[in-house]
């Protein structure tokens, strides 16, 4: 892959093959950014996972950096007011199933009560491809819609290892203090280590790196606690 002149100039400002402590790595990401917009800081954690192993969960990062999410709640009529009072942007049953089926997607995350999943499940082709399908594993299929909405509006995010065993997640903006970005990285790394499969082998965390949207990656010196 051929990179542009600004990217190549960034590479001259540090040692791309060296690993840095977390705070220094986050500071470097800020220094290396060159785009005119407020770039996102991305974290990449490479894990050693077996064929049948996966790592997936949700967490609320300590320092938020995204705008407030529009939450859609699929629920029966008797729970619509509860959902809206808790902060949902939209709530309802058949009318919203039909709207989504017809291509309406003016929301950031969807929550469903268990009794709605028979209908919501039919939207798999629309919601699944966009990562919007409610799922019990991520707390978005639940009878406790108030708690789910509260956490989502605080900024709860989902992380998961891809087929190559790598977790990719946005953890901040380059305009944020490096300390706050580092706190978000620490929170996610702690969760990933906590979710280590019981039968995972040694050296579970293979590598950790951070970068801005357009900038080069910076290796983080991370050693999993024994």
C-alpha atoms as a PDB file:
ATOM      1  CA  UNK A   1       0.000   0.000   0.000  1.00  0.00           C
ATOM      2  CA  UNK A   2       1.409   3.374  -1.033  1.00  0.00           C
ATOM      3  CA  UNK A   3       1.047   6.137   1.545  1.00  0.00           C
ATOM      4  CA  UNK A   4       0.911   9.871   0.923  1.00  0.00           C
ATOM      5  CA  UNK A   5       3.620  12.427   1.640  1.00  0.00           C
ATOM      6  CA  UNK A   6       2.111  13.553   4.977  1.00  0.00           C
ATOM      7  CA  UNK A   7       1.955   9.969   6.218  1.00  0.00           C
ATOM      8  CA  UNK A   8       5.577   9.382   5.240  1.00  0.00           C
ATOM      9  CA  UNK A   9       6.613  12.605   6.987  1.00  0.00           C
ATOM     10  CA  UNK A  10       4.869  11.393  10.171  1.00  0.00           C
ATOM     11  CA  UNK A  11       6.966   8.230  10.133  1.00  0.00           C
ATOM     12  CA  UNK A  12      10.115  10.360  10.453  1.00  0.00           C
ATOM     13  CA  UNK A  13       8.967  11.762  13.816  1.00  0.00           C
ATOM     14  CA  UNK A  14       9.319   8.511  15.778  1.00  0.00           C
ATOM     15  CA  UNK A  15      10.599   4.952  15.579  1.00  0.00           C
ATOM     16  CA  UNK A  16       7.784   2.868  13.994  1.00  0.00           C
ATOM     17  CA  UNK A  17       9.350  -0.399  15.185  1.00  0.00           C
ATOM     18  CA  UNK A  18       9.662   0.651  18.839  1.00  0.00           C
ATOM     19  CA  UNK A  19       7.060  -0.020  21.546  1.00  0.00           C
ATOM     20  CA  UNK A  20       6.127   2.858  23.855  1.00  0.00           C
ATOM     21  CA  UNK A  21       4.444   3.005  27.249  1.00  0.00           C
ATOM     22  CA  UNK A  22       0.728   3.667  26.924  1.00  0.00           C
ATOM     23  CA  UNK A  23       0.697   7.375  27.775  1.00  0.00           C
ATOM     24  CA  UNK A  24       3.637   8.112  25.463  1.00  0.00           C
ATOM     25  CA  UNK A  25       1.979   6.122  22.670  1.00  0.00           C
ATOM     26  CA  UNK A  26      -1.208   8.189  23.014  1.00  0.00           C
ATOM     27  CA  UNK A  27       0.823  11.403  23.032  1.00  0.00           C
ATOM     28  CA  UNK A  28       2.596  10.275  19.859  1.00  0.00           C
ATOM     29  CA  UNK A  29      -0.704   9.573  18.108  1.00  0.00           C
ATOM     30  CA  UNK A  30      -1.684  13.194  18.776  1.00  0.00           C
ATOM     31  CA  UNK A  31       1.671  14.470  17.492  1.00  0.00           C
ATOM     32  CA  UNK A  32       1.576  12.311  14.360  1.00  0.00           C
ATOM     33  CA  UNK A  33      -1.895  13.326  13.218  1.00  0.00           C
ATOM     34  CA  UNK A  34      -2.016  15.431  10.068  1.00  0.00           C
ATOM     35  CA  UNK A  35      -5.623  15.486   8.837  1.00  0.00           C
ATOM     36  CA  UNK A  36      -7.586  18.731   9.137  1.00  0.00           C
ATOM     37  CA  UNK A  37     -10.531  17.044  10.884  1.00  0.00           C
ATOM     38  CA  UNK A  38     -10.653  15.725  14.446  1.00  0.00           C
ATOM     39  CA  UNK A  39      -9.364  12.218  13.799  1.00  0.00           C
ATOM     40  CA  UNK A  40     -10.550   9.229  15.800  1.00  0.00           C
ATOM     41  CA  UNK A  41      -7.994   7.317  17.879  1.00  0.00           C
ATOM     42  CA  UNK A  42      -8.235   3.601  17.163  1.00  0.00           C
ATOM     43  CA  UNK A  43      -6.985   0.701  19.281  1.00  0.00           C
ATOM     44  CA  UNK A  44      -6.003  -2.677  17.828  1.00  0.00           C
ATOM     45  CA  UNK A  45      -5.388  -5.669  20.093  1.00  0.00           C
ATOM     46  CA  UNK A  46      -4.132  -8.883  18.501  1.00  0.00           C
ATOM     47  CA  UNK A  47      -5.062 -11.976  20.535  1.00  0.00           C
ATOM     48  CA  UNK A  48      -3.948 -15.601  20.373  1.00  0.00           C
ATOM     49  CA  UNK A  49      -7.243 -17.477  20.131  1.00  0.00           C
ATOM     50  CA  UNK A  50      -8.053 -21.052  19.247  1.00  0.00           C
ATOM     51  CA  UNK A  51     -10.414 -21.899  16.397  1.00  0.00           C
ATOM     52  CA  UNK A  52     -13.434 -22.213  18.678  1.00  0.00           C
ATOM     53  CA  UNK A  53     -12.527 -19.285  20.919  1.00  0.00           C
ATOM     54  CA  UNK A  54     -13.862 -15.762  20.743  1.00  0.00           C
ATOM     55  CA  UNK A  55     -13.842 -12.631  22.857  1.00  0.00           C
ATOM     56  CA  UNK A  56     -16.898 -10.372  22.834  1.00  0.00           C
ATOM     57  CA  UNK A  57     -18.587  -8.106  25.351  1.00  0.00           C
ATOM     58  CA  UNK A  58     -19.562  -4.518  26.057  1.00  0.00           C
ATOM     59  CA  UNK A  59     -18.225  -1.806  28.338  1.00  0.00           C
ATOM     60  CA  UNK A  60     -18.701   1.869  29.132  1.00  0.00           C
ATOM     61  CA  UNK A  61     -15.468   3.734  28.464  1.00  0.00           C
ATOM     62  CA  UNK A  62     -14.530   6.167  31.278  1.00  0.00           C
ATOM     63  CA  UNK A  63     -14.155   9.153  28.920  1.00  0.00           C
ATOM     64  CA  UNK A  64     -16.787   9.717  26.264  1.00  0.00           C
ATOM     65  CA  UNK A  65     -16.031  11.263  22.903  1.00  0.00           C
ATOM     66  CA  UNK A  66     -19.043  10.580  20.690  1.00  0.00           C
ATOM     67  CA  UNK A  67     -22.301  12.454  20.445  1.00  0.00           C
ATOM     68  CA  UNK A  68     -25.343  11.106  22.235  1.00  0.00           C
ATOM     69  CA  UNK A  69     -26.734   7.995  20.593  1.00  0.00           C
ATOM     70  CA  UNK A  70     -30.253   7.777  19.178  1.00  0.00           C
ATOM     71  CA  UNK A  71     -31.745   4.637  20.714  1.00  0.00           C
ATOM     72  CA  UNK A  72     -34.634   2.730  19.135  1.00  0.00           C
ATOM     73  CA  UNK A  73     -36.510   0.356  21.436  1.00  0.00           C
ATOM     74  CA  UNK A  74     -38.647  -2.414  19.989  1.00  0.00           C
ATOM     75  CA  UNK A  75     -41.293  -3.002  22.663  1.00  0.00           C
ATOM     76  CA  UNK A  76     -45.008  -3.530  23.133  1.00  0.00           C
ATOM     77  CA  UNK A  77     -47.328  -0.548  23.551  1.00  0.00           C
ATOM     78  CA  UNK A  78     -47.496  -0.854  27.351  1.00  0.00           C
ATOM     79  CA  UNK A  79     -43.745  -0.145  27.629  1.00  0.00           C
ATOM     80  CA  UNK A  80     -43.396   2.682  25.097  1.00  0.00           C
ATOM     81  CA  UNK A  81     -43.763   5.470  27.682  1.00  0.00           C
ATOM     82  CA  UNK A  82     -41.194   3.761  29.953  1.00  0.00           C
ATOM     83  CA  UNK A  83     -38.697   3.615  27.089  1.00  0.00           C
ATOM     84  CA  UNK A  84     -39.233   7.216  25.999  1.00  0.00           C
ATOM     85  CA  UNK A  85     -39.044   8.502  29.582  1.00  0.00           C
ATOM     86  CA  UNK A  86     -35.697   6.675  29.960  1.00  0.00           C
ATOM     87  CA  UNK A  87     -34.294   8.565  26.971  1.00  0.00           C
ATOM     88  CA  UNK A  88     -35.057   6.429  23.926  1.00  0.00           C
ATOM     89  CA  UNK A  89     -35.469   8.460  20.745  1.00  0.00           C
ATOM     90  CA  UNK A  90     -38.063   6.052  19.405  1.00  0.00           C
ATOM     91  CA  UNK A  91     -40.082   3.176  20.853  1.00  0.00           C
ATOM     92  CA  UNK A  92     -42.783   0.937  19.502  1.00  0.00           C
ATOM     93  CA  UNK A  93     -43.627  -2.405  17.975  1.00  0.00           C
ATOM     94  CA  UNK A  94     -45.084  -3.195  14.542  1.00  0.00           C
ATOM     95  CA  UNK A  95     -44.816   0.354  13.189  1.00  0.00           C
ATOM     96  CA  UNK A  96     -41.045   0.440  13.757  1.00  0.00           C
ATOM     97  CA  UNK A  97     -40.531  -3.100  12.484  1.00  0.00           C
ATOM     98  CA  UNK A  98     -42.262  -2.002   9.273  1.00  0.00           C
ATOM     99  CA  UNK A  99     -40.291   1.253   9.041  1.00  0.00           C
ATOM    100  CA  UNK A 100     -36.960  -0.561   9.358  1.00  0.00           C
ATOM    101  CA  UNK A 101     -38.105  -3.209   6.877  1.00  0.00           C
ATOM    102  CA  UNK A 102     -38.717  -0.374   4.415  1.00  0.00           C
ATOM    103  CA  UNK A 103     -35.210   1.043   4.893  1.00  0.00           C
ATOM    104  CA  UNK A 104     -35.577   3.551   7.746  1.00  0.00           C
ATOM    105  CA  UNK A 105     -32.389   3.603   9.841  1.00  0.00           C
ATOM    106  CA  UNK A 106     -32.394   6.955  11.645  1.00  0.00           C
ATOM    107  CA  UNK A 107     -30.967   5.526  14.889  1.00  0.00           C
ATOM    108  CA  UNK A 108     -27.576   4.478  16.245  1.00  0.00           C
ATOM    109  CA  UNK A 109     -28.470   1.430  18.320  1.00  0.00           C
ATOM    110  CA  UNK A 110     -31.490  -0.828  18.748  1.00  0.00           C
ATOM    111  CA  UNK A 111     -32.792  -2.471  21.909  1.00  0.00           C
ATOM    112  CA  UNK A 112     -35.560  -5.081  22.020  1.00  0.00           C
ATOM    113  CA  UNK A 113     -37.567  -6.710  24.765  1.00  0.00           C
ATOM    114  CA  UNK A 114     -37.470 -10.534  24.541  1.00  0.00           C
ATOM    115  CA  UNK A 115     -41.143 -10.735  23.494  1.00  0.00           C
ATOM    116  CA  UNK A 116     -40.345  -8.644  20.384  1.00  0.00           C
ATOM    117  CA  UNK A 117     -37.515 -10.768  19.027  1.00  0.00           C
ATOM    118  CA  UNK A 118     -39.800 -12.987  16.964  1.00  0.00           C
ATOM    119  CA  UNK A 119     -40.691  -9.903  14.885  1.00  0.00           C
ATOM    120  CA  UNK A 120     -37.317  -8.152  15.111  1.00  0.00           C
ATOM    121  CA  UNK A 121     -35.541 -11.338  14.033  1.00  0.00           C
ATOM    122  CA  UNK A 122     -37.137 -10.936  10.597  1.00  0.00           C
ATOM    123  CA  UNK A 123     -35.091  -7.761  10.141  1.00  0.00           C
ATOM    124  CA  UNK A 124     -31.809  -9.661  10.124  1.00  0.00           C
ATOM    125  CA  UNK A 125     -30.990  -8.767   6.519  1.00  0.00           C
ATOM    126  CA  UNK A 126     -31.383  -5.059   7.289  1.00  0.00           C
ATOM    127  CA  UNK A 127     -30.041  -4.778  10.834  1.00  0.00           C
ATOM    128  CA  UNK A 128     -27.481  -7.578  10.813  1.00  0.00           C
ATOM    129  CA  UNK A 129     -25.424  -6.167   7.941  1.00  0.00           C
ATOM    130  CA  UNK A 130     -25.120  -2.865   9.794  1.00  0.00           C
ATOM    131  CA  UNK A 131     -24.324  -4.336  13.208  1.00  0.00           C
ATOM    132  CA  UNK A 132     -27.625  -3.053  14.611  1.00  0.00           C
ATOM    133  CA  UNK A 133     -29.370  -6.328  15.432  1.00  0.00           C
ATOM    134  CA  UNK A 134     -30.284  -6.542  19.151  1.00  0.00           C
ATOM    135  CA  UNK A 135     -28.359  -9.326  20.874  1.00  0.00           C
ATOM    136  CA  UNK A 136     -28.585 -10.750  24.428  1.00  0.00           C
ATOM    137  CA  UNK A 137     -24.765 -10.998  24.560  1.00  0.00           C
ATOM    138  CA  UNK A 138     -24.431  -7.233  24.226  1.00  0.00           C
ATOM    139  CA  UNK A 139     -27.299  -6.416  26.585  1.00  0.00           C
ATOM    140  CA  UNK A 140     -29.550  -5.103  23.830  1.00  0.00           C
ATOM    141  CA  UNK A 141     -32.163  -7.852  24.191  1.00  0.00           C
ATOM    142  CA  UNK A 142     -33.455  -7.327  27.701  1.00  0.00           C
ATOM    143  CA  UNK A 143     -36.561  -6.821  29.803  1.00  0.00           C
ATOM    144  CA  UNK A 144     -34.693  -4.097  31.729  1.00  0.00           C
ATOM    145  CA  UNK A 145     -34.895  -1.483  29.006  1.00  0.00           C
ATOM    146  CA  UNK A 146     -34.287   1.438  31.393  1.00  0.00           C
ATOM    147  CA  UNK A 147     -30.843   0.152  32.427  1.00  0.00           C
ATOM    148  CA  UNK A 148     -29.969  -0.707  28.827  1.00  0.00           C
ATOM    149  CA  UNK A 149     -30.877   2.789  27.608  1.00  0.00           C
ATOM    150  CA  UNK A 150     -28.979   4.459  30.448  1.00  0.00           C
ATOM    151  CA  UNK A 151     -25.788   2.535  29.691  1.00  0.00           C
ATOM    152  CA  UNK A 152     -26.062   3.080  25.953  1.00  0.00           C
ATOM    153  CA  UNK A 153     -26.533   6.817  26.415  1.00  0.00           C
ATOM    154  CA  UNK A 154     -23.489   6.891  28.703  1.00  0.00           C
ATOM    155  CA  UNK A 155     -21.563   5.441  25.786  1.00  0.00           C
ATOM    156  CA  UNK A 156     -21.551   1.677  26.192  1.00  0.00           C
ATOM    157  CA  UNK A 157     -19.678   0.119  23.294  1.00  0.00           C
ATOM    158  CA  UNK A 158     -19.337  -3.410  21.997  1.00  0.00           C
ATOM    159  CA  UNK A 159     -15.974  -4.980  21.307  1.00  0.00           C
ATOM    160  CA  UNK A 160     -15.310  -8.300  19.618  1.00  0.00           C
ATOM    161  CA  UNK A 161     -12.393 -10.171  18.099  1.00  0.00           C
ATOM    162  CA  UNK A 162     -12.614 -10.554  14.329  1.00  0.00           C
ATOM    163  CA  UNK A 163     -11.827 -13.782  12.472  1.00  0.00           C
ATOM    164  CA  UNK A 164      -8.120 -13.026  12.751  1.00  0.00           C
ATOM    165  CA  UNK A 165      -8.335 -12.608  16.535  1.00  0.00           C
ATOM    166  CA  UNK A 166      -7.967  -8.819  16.460  1.00  0.00           C
ATOM    167  CA  UNK A 167     -10.130  -6.429  18.475  1.00  0.00           C
ATOM    168  CA  UNK A 168     -10.531  -3.035  16.801  1.00  0.00           C
ATOM    169  CA  UNK A 169     -12.224  -0.201  18.697  1.00  0.00           C
ATOM    170  CA  UNK A 170     -12.396   3.585  18.621  1.00  0.00           C
ATOM    171  CA  UNK A 171     -11.124   4.869  21.987  1.00  0.00           C
ATOM    172  CA  UNK A 172     -11.037   8.641  21.591  1.00  0.00           C
ATOM    173  CA  UNK A 173     -10.340  11.698  19.459  1.00  0.00           C
ATOM    174  CA  UNK A 174      -6.979  13.347  18.828  1.00  0.00           C
ATOM    175  CA  UNK A 175      -8.422  16.532  20.377  1.00  0.00           C
ATOM    176  CA  UNK A 176      -8.729  14.742  23.753  1.00  0.00           C
ATOM    177  CA  UNK A 177      -6.052  14.795  26.437  1.00  0.00           C
ATOM    178  CA  UNK A 178      -3.657  11.894  25.986  1.00  0.00           C
ATOM    179  CA  UNK A 179      -4.359  10.866  29.604  1.00  0.00           C
ATOM    180  CA  UNK A 180      -8.069  10.419  28.862  1.00  0.00           C
ATOM    181  CA  UNK A 181      -7.399   8.383  25.749  1.00  0.00           C
ATOM    182  CA  UNK A 182      -4.972   6.241  27.753  1.00  0.00           C
ATOM    183  CA  UNK A 183      -7.645   5.674  30.430  1.00  0.00           C
ATOM    184  CA  UNK A 184     -10.022   4.401  27.753  1.00  0.00           C
ATOM    185  CA  UNK A 185      -7.338   2.089  26.382  1.00  0.00           C
ATOM    186  CA  UNK A 186      -6.574   0.766  29.879  1.00  0.00           C
ATOM    187  CA  UNK A 187     -10.273   0.108  30.495  1.00  0.00           C
ATOM    188  CA  UNK A 188     -10.623  -1.913  27.314  1.00  0.00           C
ATOM    189  CA  UNK A 189      -7.382  -3.848  27.818  1.00  0.00           C
ATOM    190  CA  UNK A 190      -8.477  -4.765  31.354  1.00  0.00           C
ATOM    191  CA  UNK A 191     -11.789  -6.049  30.016  1.00  0.00           C
ATOM    192  CA  UNK A 192     -10.135  -8.047  27.240  1.00  0.00           C
ATOM    193  CA  UNK A 193      -7.767  -9.688  29.715  1.00  0.00           C
ATOM    194  CA  UNK A 194     -10.675 -10.372  32.085  1.00  0.00           C
ATOM    195  CA  UNK A 195     -12.551 -12.110  29.247  1.00  0.00           C
ATOM    196  CA  UNK A 196      -9.594 -14.361  28.413  1.00  0.00           C
ATOM    197  CA  UNK A 197     -10.962 -17.827  27.551  1.00  0.00           C
ATOM    198  CA  UNK A 198     -10.200 -20.337  30.304  1.00  0.00           C
ATOM    199  CA  UNK A 199      -8.317 -22.591  27.896  1.00  0.00           C
ATOM    200  CA  UNK A 200      -6.436 -19.806  26.067  1.00  0.00           C
ATOM    201  CA  UNK A 201      -2.703 -20.377  25.778  1.00  0.00           C
ATOM    202  CA  UNK A 202       0.105 -18.208  27.123  1.00  0.00           C
ATOM    203  CA  UNK A 203       0.817 -14.902  25.373  1.00  0.00           C
ATOM    204  CA  UNK A 204      -2.927 -14.345  24.939  1.00  0.00           C
ATOM    205  CA  UNK A 205      -2.323 -10.644  24.135  1.00  0.00           C
ATOM    206  CA  UNK A 206       0.065 -10.729  21.186  1.00  0.00           C
ATOM    207  CA  UNK A 207       0.309  -7.026  20.391  1.00  0.00           C
ATOM    208  CA  UNK A 208      -1.336  -3.661  21.064  1.00  0.00           C
ATOM    209  CA  UNK A 209      -1.208  -0.593  18.836  1.00  0.00           C
ATOM    210  CA  UNK A 210      -2.917   2.785  18.540  1.00  0.00           C
ATOM    211  CA  UNK A 211      -3.275   5.177  15.628  1.00  0.00           C
ATOM    212  CA  UNK A 212      -5.362   8.082  14.425  1.00  0.00           C
ATOM    213  CA  UNK A 213      -7.741   7.677  11.481  1.00  0.00           C
ATOM    214  CA  UNK A 214      -5.161   8.776   8.927  1.00  0.00           C
ATOM    215  CA  UNK A 215      -1.927   8.482  10.888  1.00  0.00           C
ATOM    216  CA  UNK A 216       0.586   5.659  11.317  1.00  0.00           C
ATOM    217  CA  UNK A 217       0.350   3.070  14.069  1.00  0.00           C
ATOM    218  CA  UNK A 218       2.251   3.236  17.339  1.00  0.00           C
ATOM    219  CA  UNK A 219       3.103   0.020  19.188  1.00  0.00           C
ATOM    220  CA  UNK A 220       2.171  -0.087  22.875  1.00  0.00           C
ATOM    221  CA  UNK A 221       4.477  -1.849  25.326  1.00  0.00           C
ATOM    222  CA  UNK A 222       1.890  -4.076  26.999  1.00  0.00           C
ATOM    223  CA  UNK A 223       2.604  -7.169  29.035  1.00  0.00           C
ATOM    224  CA  UNK A 224      -0.273  -9.241  30.293  1.00  0.00           C
ATOM    225  CA  UNK A 225      -0.067  -9.784  34.053  1.00  0.00           C
ATOM    226  CA  UNK A 226       0.788 -13.363  34.897  1.00  0.00           C
END
